[in-house]
N, C-alpha and C. Protein backbone atom coordinates (compact mmCIF):
# COMPACT_ATOMS: atom_id res chain seq x y z
N MET A 1 0.85 -1.17 0.00
CA MET A 1 0.00 0.00 0.00
C MET A 1 0.90 1.24 0.00
N ASP A 2 0.73 2.07 -1.00
CA ASP A 2 1.52 3.29 -1.12
C ASP A 2 0.77 4.42 -0.42
N MET A 3 1.35 4.95 0.64
CA MET A 3 0.70 5.99 1.42
C MET A 3 1.40 7.32 1.22
N GLU A 4 0.60 8.39 1.24
CA GLU A 4 1.16 9.73 1.14
C GLU A 4 1.51 10.25 2.52
N LYS A 5 2.04 11.49 2.55
CA LYS A 5 2.58 12.07 3.78
C LYS A 5 1.60 12.08 4.95
N ALA A 6 0.40 12.60 4.77
CA ALA A 6 -0.55 12.69 5.88
C ALA A 6 -0.93 11.30 6.36
N SER A 7 -1.17 10.39 5.43
CA SER A 7 -1.54 9.02 5.82
C SER A 7 -0.43 8.36 6.62
N LYS A 8 0.81 8.52 6.17
CA LYS A 8 1.94 7.93 6.90
C LYS A 8 2.08 8.54 8.28
N GLY A 9 1.97 9.85 8.37
CA GLY A 9 2.11 10.54 9.65
C GLY A 9 1.01 10.17 10.62
N VAL A 10 -0.24 10.15 10.15
CA VAL A 10 -1.37 9.80 11.01
C VAL A 10 -1.27 8.34 11.42
N MET A 11 -0.86 7.47 10.50
CA MET A 11 -0.68 6.05 10.83
C MET A 11 0.39 5.89 11.91
N THR A 12 1.51 6.57 11.75
CA THR A 12 2.60 6.49 12.73
C THR A 12 2.14 6.97 14.10
N LEU A 13 1.48 8.13 14.13
CA LEU A 13 0.99 8.65 15.41
C LEU A 13 -0.07 7.73 16.00
N GLY A 14 -0.90 7.14 15.16
CA GLY A 14 -1.92 6.21 15.64
C GLY A 14 -1.31 5.00 16.31
N ILE A 15 -0.28 4.43 15.70
CA ILE A 15 0.40 3.27 16.29
C ILE A 15 1.05 3.66 17.62
N ILE A 16 1.66 4.84 17.66
CA ILE A 16 2.27 5.31 18.91
C ILE A 16 1.20 5.48 19.99
N PHE A 17 0.04 6.02 19.62
CA PHE A 17 -1.05 6.20 20.59
C PHE A 17 -1.52 4.85 21.13
N ILE A 18 -1.62 3.86 20.26
CA ILE A 18 -2.05 2.53 20.71
C ILE A 18 -1.03 1.95 21.69
N ILE A 19 0.25 2.06 21.34
CA ILE A 19 1.30 1.56 22.23
C ILE A 19 1.25 2.27 23.58
N LEU A 20 1.13 3.60 23.56
CA LEU A 20 1.09 4.36 24.82
C LEU A 20 -0.17 4.05 25.61
N GLY A 21 -1.28 3.83 24.91
CA GLY A 21 -2.52 3.49 25.60
C GLY A 21 -2.39 2.19 26.37
N ILE A 22 -1.75 1.20 25.76
CA ILE A 22 -1.53 -0.07 26.44
C ILE A 22 -0.49 0.09 27.55
N TRP A 23 0.61 0.77 27.23
CA TRP A 23 1.70 0.99 28.19
C TRP A 23 1.20 1.66 29.46
N GLY A 24 0.31 2.63 29.29
CA GLY A 24 -0.20 3.39 30.43
C GLY A 24 -0.93 2.55 31.46
N PHE A 25 -1.47 1.40 31.05
CA PHE A 25 -2.13 0.53 32.02
C PHE A 25 -1.13 -0.16 32.94
N PHE A 26 0.13 -0.21 32.51
CA PHE A 26 1.15 -0.92 33.27
C PHE A 26 2.16 0.00 33.96
N GLN A 27 2.29 1.23 33.48
CA GLN A 27 3.24 2.16 34.08
C GLN A 27 2.66 3.57 34.08
N ASN A 28 2.66 4.18 35.26
CA ASN A 28 2.21 5.56 35.38
C ASN A 28 3.11 6.25 36.39
N PRO A 29 3.74 7.33 36.04
CA PRO A 29 3.68 8.02 34.76
C PRO A 29 4.48 7.30 33.67
N ILE A 30 4.06 7.49 32.42
CA ILE A 30 4.76 6.90 31.28
C ILE A 30 6.09 7.61 31.12
N LEU A 31 7.16 6.82 30.99
CA LEU A 31 8.53 7.33 30.87
C LEU A 31 8.93 8.22 32.05
N GLY A 32 8.19 8.09 33.14
CA GLY A 32 8.48 8.90 34.31
C GLY A 32 8.06 10.36 34.17
N LEU A 33 7.37 10.69 33.07
CA LEU A 33 7.00 12.09 32.79
C LEU A 33 5.51 12.33 32.66
N PHE A 34 4.83 11.49 31.89
CA PHE A 34 3.47 11.78 31.46
C PHE A 34 2.44 11.07 32.33
N MET A 35 1.61 11.87 33.04
CA MET A 35 0.57 11.33 33.91
C MET A 35 -0.56 10.76 33.07
N VAL A 36 -1.00 9.56 33.44
CA VAL A 36 -2.15 8.95 32.78
C VAL A 36 -3.00 8.25 33.82
N GLY A 37 -4.17 7.91 33.42
CA GLY A 37 -5.08 7.13 34.24
C GLY A 37 -5.85 6.22 33.30
N PRO A 38 -6.71 5.38 33.83
CA PRO A 38 -7.45 4.45 32.98
C PRO A 38 -8.24 5.14 31.85
N ILE A 39 -8.92 6.21 32.16
CA ILE A 39 -9.69 6.91 31.12
C ILE A 39 -8.74 7.51 30.07
N HIS A 40 -7.65 8.10 30.52
CA HIS A 40 -6.66 8.67 29.62
C HIS A 40 -6.10 7.58 28.70
N ASN A 41 -5.85 6.40 29.25
CA ASN A 41 -5.34 5.29 28.45
C ASN A 41 -6.36 4.87 27.39
N TRP A 42 -7.62 4.80 27.78
CA TRP A 42 -8.66 4.45 26.80
C TRP A 42 -8.77 5.50 25.72
N VAL A 43 -8.63 6.77 26.09
CA VAL A 43 -8.64 7.84 25.09
C VAL A 43 -7.50 7.64 24.09
N HIS A 44 -6.31 7.29 24.60
CA HIS A 44 -5.18 7.04 23.70
C HIS A 44 -5.44 5.85 22.79
N LEU A 45 -5.97 4.77 23.36
CA LEU A 45 -6.26 3.58 22.55
C LEU A 45 -7.29 3.87 21.46
N ILE A 46 -8.38 4.49 21.82
CA ILE A 46 -9.44 4.78 20.85
C ILE A 46 -8.94 5.77 19.80
N SER A 47 -8.20 6.80 20.22
CA SER A 47 -7.63 7.77 19.27
C SER A 47 -6.68 7.07 18.31
N GLY A 48 -5.86 6.18 18.83
CA GLY A 48 -4.91 5.46 17.99
C GLY A 48 -5.60 4.57 16.98
N ILE A 49 -6.62 3.85 17.43
CA ILE A 49 -7.37 2.98 16.52
C ILE A 49 -8.05 3.81 15.43
N LEU A 50 -8.66 4.92 15.82
CA LEU A 50 -9.29 5.80 14.82
C LEU A 50 -8.26 6.35 13.84
N ALA A 51 -7.09 6.73 14.34
CA ALA A 51 -6.03 7.24 13.47
C ALA A 51 -5.63 6.19 12.44
N VAL A 52 -5.45 4.96 12.87
CA VAL A 52 -5.08 3.88 11.95
C VAL A 52 -6.17 3.66 10.91
N ILE A 53 -7.43 3.68 11.34
CA ILE A 53 -8.54 3.50 10.41
C ILE A 53 -8.58 4.62 9.38
N PHE A 54 -8.48 5.87 9.83
CA PHE A 54 -8.52 6.99 8.90
C PHE A 54 -7.31 7.00 7.97
N ALA A 55 -6.14 6.70 8.50
CA ALA A 55 -4.93 6.67 7.68
C ALA A 55 -5.02 5.58 6.63
N SER A 56 -5.62 4.45 6.98
CA SER A 56 -5.77 3.34 6.03
C SER A 56 -6.82 3.62 4.97
N SER A 57 -7.67 4.61 5.22
CA SER A 57 -8.76 4.93 4.28
C SER A 57 -8.33 5.87 3.17
N GLY A 58 -7.14 6.44 3.26
CA GLY A 58 -6.65 7.32 2.21
C GLY A 58 -6.17 8.66 2.73
N GLU A 59 -5.63 9.43 1.82
CA GLU A 59 -5.03 10.71 2.18
C GLU A 59 -6.06 11.72 2.68
N SER A 60 -7.19 11.82 2.01
CA SER A 60 -8.20 12.80 2.41
C SER A 60 -8.77 12.51 3.81
N PRO A 61 -9.18 11.27 4.11
CA PRO A 61 -9.64 10.99 5.48
C PRO A 61 -8.54 11.21 6.52
N ALA A 62 -7.30 10.89 6.17
CA ALA A 62 -6.18 11.11 7.10
C ALA A 62 -6.02 12.59 7.39
N LYS A 63 -6.13 13.42 6.35
CA LYS A 63 -6.01 14.87 6.53
C LYS A 63 -7.16 15.40 7.40
N GLN A 64 -8.37 14.91 7.18
CA GLN A 64 -9.51 15.36 7.99
C GLN A 64 -9.31 14.98 9.45
N PHE A 65 -8.87 13.75 9.68
CA PHE A 65 -8.58 13.30 11.05
C PHE A 65 -7.54 14.21 11.68
N ALA A 66 -6.46 14.49 10.95
CA ALA A 66 -5.37 15.32 11.47
C ALA A 66 -5.86 16.73 11.81
N LYS A 67 -6.71 17.29 10.98
CA LYS A 67 -7.24 18.63 11.25
C LYS A 67 -8.07 18.65 12.53
N VAL A 68 -8.98 17.68 12.66
CA VAL A 68 -9.84 17.62 13.84
C VAL A 68 -9.01 17.38 15.10
N PHE A 69 -8.11 16.41 15.05
CA PHE A 69 -7.31 16.11 16.24
C PHE A 69 -6.29 17.20 16.52
N GLY A 70 -5.84 17.92 15.51
CA GLY A 70 -4.97 19.06 15.73
C GLY A 70 -5.67 20.12 16.56
N VAL A 71 -6.92 20.38 16.23
CA VAL A 71 -7.71 21.36 16.99
C VAL A 71 -7.98 20.85 18.40
N VAL A 72 -8.33 19.56 18.52
CA VAL A 72 -8.60 18.98 19.84
C VAL A 72 -7.36 19.06 20.73
N TYR A 73 -6.21 18.67 20.20
CA TYR A 73 -4.99 18.72 21.01
C TYR A 73 -4.55 20.16 21.27
N GLY A 74 -4.81 21.06 20.36
CA GLY A 74 -4.53 22.47 20.61
C GLY A 74 -5.36 22.99 21.77
N PHE A 75 -6.64 22.60 21.77
CA PHE A 75 -7.52 22.99 22.87
C PHE A 75 -7.02 22.40 24.20
N LEU A 76 -6.65 21.11 24.17
CA LEU A 76 -6.14 20.48 25.40
C LEU A 76 -4.88 21.16 25.90
N ALA A 77 -3.99 21.53 24.98
CA ALA A 77 -2.75 22.20 25.38
C ALA A 77 -3.04 23.54 26.02
N ILE A 78 -3.86 24.34 25.37
CA ILE A 78 -4.18 25.67 25.90
C ILE A 78 -4.89 25.55 27.24
N ALA A 79 -5.88 24.66 27.31
CA ALA A 79 -6.60 24.46 28.56
C ALA A 79 -5.65 23.99 29.65
N GLY A 80 -4.75 23.08 29.30
CA GLY A 80 -3.81 22.54 30.27
C GLY A 80 -2.88 23.58 30.86
N PHE A 81 -2.52 24.57 30.05
CA PHE A 81 -1.64 25.62 30.57
C PHE A 81 -2.35 26.49 31.60
N PHE A 82 -3.70 26.48 31.58
CA PHE A 82 -4.46 27.31 32.51
C PHE A 82 -5.08 26.52 33.66
N ILE A 83 -5.20 25.21 33.50
CA ILE A 83 -5.77 24.37 34.56
C ILE A 83 -4.64 24.00 35.52
N THR A 84 -4.82 24.32 36.78
CA THR A 84 -3.76 24.06 37.74
C THR A 84 -3.91 22.69 38.41
N ASP A 85 -5.09 22.10 38.30
CA ASP A 85 -5.32 20.78 38.88
C ASP A 85 -4.76 19.71 37.96
N GLN A 86 -4.39 18.55 38.50
CA GLN A 86 -3.88 17.47 37.66
C GLN A 86 -5.00 16.65 37.02
N LEU A 87 -6.24 16.97 37.36
CA LEU A 87 -7.38 16.31 36.71
C LEU A 87 -8.05 17.30 35.78
N TYR A 88 -7.91 17.08 34.47
CA TYR A 88 -8.55 17.96 33.49
C TYR A 88 -10.02 17.60 33.40
N PHE A 89 -10.85 18.60 33.48
CA PHE A 89 -12.29 18.43 33.32
C PHE A 89 -12.85 17.38 34.27
N GLY A 90 -12.13 17.14 35.37
CA GLY A 90 -12.60 16.22 36.39
C GLY A 90 -12.34 14.75 36.14
N PHE A 91 -11.72 14.38 35.00
CA PHE A 91 -11.53 12.95 34.77
C PHE A 91 -10.25 12.56 34.03
N LEU A 92 -9.52 13.48 33.41
CA LEU A 92 -8.28 13.14 32.70
C LEU A 92 -7.07 13.58 33.50
N ARG A 93 -6.22 12.64 33.84
CA ARG A 93 -4.97 12.96 34.56
C ARG A 93 -3.97 13.54 33.58
N ALA A 94 -3.32 14.63 33.97
CA ALA A 94 -2.30 15.25 33.13
C ALA A 94 -1.41 16.14 33.98
N ASN A 95 -0.26 16.52 33.41
CA ASN A 95 0.66 17.41 34.10
C ASN A 95 1.30 18.34 33.07
N ASP A 96 2.30 19.11 33.48
CA ASP A 96 2.94 20.07 32.56
C ASP A 96 3.57 19.37 31.35
N ALA A 97 4.17 18.21 31.56
CA ALA A 97 4.77 17.48 30.44
C ALA A 97 3.69 17.10 29.42
N ASP A 98 2.52 16.72 29.91
CA ASP A 98 1.40 16.41 29.02
C ASP A 98 0.97 17.63 28.22
N ASP A 99 0.95 18.79 28.88
CA ASP A 99 0.55 20.03 28.19
C ASP A 99 1.47 20.32 27.01
N TRP A 100 2.77 20.19 27.24
CA TRP A 100 3.73 20.45 26.16
C TRP A 100 3.62 19.39 25.07
N LEU A 101 3.38 18.14 25.47
CA LEU A 101 3.18 17.09 24.48
C LEU A 101 1.92 17.35 23.65
N HIS A 102 0.85 17.79 24.31
CA HIS A 102 -0.38 18.12 23.58
C HIS A 102 -0.14 19.25 22.58
N LEU A 103 0.65 20.23 22.97
CA LEU A 103 0.98 21.32 22.04
C LEU A 103 1.76 20.79 20.84
N PHE A 104 2.75 19.94 21.09
CA PHE A 104 3.52 19.33 20.00
C PHE A 104 2.60 18.52 19.08
N LEU A 105 1.70 17.72 19.67
CA LEU A 105 0.78 16.92 18.87
C LEU A 105 -0.16 17.80 18.05
N ALA A 106 -0.62 18.91 18.63
CA ALA A 106 -1.48 19.83 17.89
C ALA A 106 -0.75 20.35 16.66
N VAL A 107 0.48 20.79 16.83
CA VAL A 107 1.27 21.30 15.71
C VAL A 107 1.49 20.21 14.67
N ALA A 108 1.85 19.00 15.12
CA ALA A 108 2.11 17.90 14.19
C ALA A 108 0.85 17.53 13.42
N PHE A 109 -0.27 17.38 14.12
CA PHE A 109 -1.52 17.02 13.43
C PHE A 109 -1.95 18.13 12.47
N LEU A 110 -1.88 19.38 12.89
CA LEU A 110 -2.28 20.47 12.00
C LEU A 110 -1.36 20.57 10.79
N TYR A 111 -0.09 20.32 10.98
CA TYR A 111 0.84 20.30 9.85
C TYR A 111 0.43 19.20 8.86
N LEU A 112 0.17 18.00 9.37
CA LEU A 112 -0.23 16.90 8.50
C LEU A 112 -1.57 17.19 7.81
N GLY A 113 -2.47 17.82 8.53
CA GLY A 113 -3.80 18.09 7.98
C GLY A 113 -3.82 19.17 6.92
N TYR A 114 -2.96 20.17 7.06
CA TYR A 114 -3.00 21.31 6.14
C TYR A 114 -1.85 21.37 5.14
N SER A 115 -0.86 20.51 5.28
CA SER A 115 0.26 20.56 4.34
C SER A 115 -0.16 19.93 3.01
N ARG A 116 0.52 20.35 1.98
CA ARG A 116 0.24 19.82 0.64
C ARG A 116 1.21 18.69 0.34
N SER A 117 0.75 17.77 -0.46
CA SER A 117 1.61 16.67 -0.90
C SER A 117 2.19 17.06 -2.25
N TYR A 118 3.50 17.15 -2.31
CA TYR A 118 4.17 17.51 -3.56
C TYR A 118 4.75 16.28 -4.22
N GLY A 119 4.80 16.32 -5.54
CA GLY A 119 5.42 15.25 -6.29
C GLY A 119 4.59 13.98 -6.34
N VAL A 120 3.32 14.09 -6.01
CA VAL A 120 2.45 12.93 -6.04
C VAL A 120 1.54 13.05 -7.25
N HIS A 121 1.51 12.01 -8.04
CA HIS A 121 0.66 12.01 -9.23
C HIS A 121 -0.78 11.76 -8.80
N ARG A 122 -1.66 12.62 -9.21
CA ARG A 122 -3.07 12.49 -8.87
C ARG A 122 -3.86 12.08 -10.11
N ARG A 123 -4.91 11.31 -9.90
CA ARG A 123 -5.77 10.93 -11.01
C ARG A 123 -6.40 12.16 -11.62
N GLY A 124 -6.51 12.15 -12.93
CA GLY A 124 -7.15 13.26 -13.62
C GLY A 124 -6.18 14.36 -14.02
N MET A 125 -4.96 14.29 -13.53
CA MET A 125 -3.97 15.29 -13.90
C MET A 125 -3.06 14.69 -14.96
N ARG A 126 -2.77 15.48 -15.96
CA ARG A 126 -1.88 15.01 -17.01
C ARG A 126 -0.45 15.34 -16.65
N GLU A 127 0.44 14.43 -17.03
CA GLU A 127 1.86 14.68 -16.80
C GLU A 127 2.37 15.66 -17.82
N ALA A 128 3.31 16.48 -17.39
CA ALA A 128 3.90 17.44 -18.31
C ALA A 128 4.73 16.70 -19.36
N PRO A 129 4.71 17.19 -20.61
CA PRO A 129 5.50 16.52 -21.64
C PRO A 129 7.00 16.60 -21.31
N ALA A 130 7.70 15.56 -21.66
CA ALA A 130 9.14 15.51 -21.41
C ALA A 130 9.86 16.53 -22.27
N ARG A 131 10.88 17.13 -21.68
CA ARG A 131 11.67 18.11 -22.44
C ARG A 131 12.74 17.36 -23.22
N GLY A 132 12.97 17.86 -24.42
CA GLY A 132 13.81 17.19 -25.36
C GLY A 132 15.22 17.25 -25.17
């Protein structure tokens, strides 16, 4: 299966989310930095599974997923910088490291969602004639 940039990026992040979702059930904080709880782990697992599904469906669905999750993670990052409690919205465990990670994920997802794919042949487009 030949995947374009957004599909590859969303697939990669999806697999990482699945791994972290499982890992979080066995170690908290993850890598000694990132606070998680059972609900947070389920969010990672479901997000990862959705990312893999959207990435496998093609470039356009992958870009849509990336745009939506970019906004969601942007919101989480901004909210996290202002929430002083370690429980976001009363049920998600997080800390400052999570806030910075959410900001990074927002930027990465938005980049994947809004960036253009160059050098990719698209159906319906004619190739330029070869120069002599």
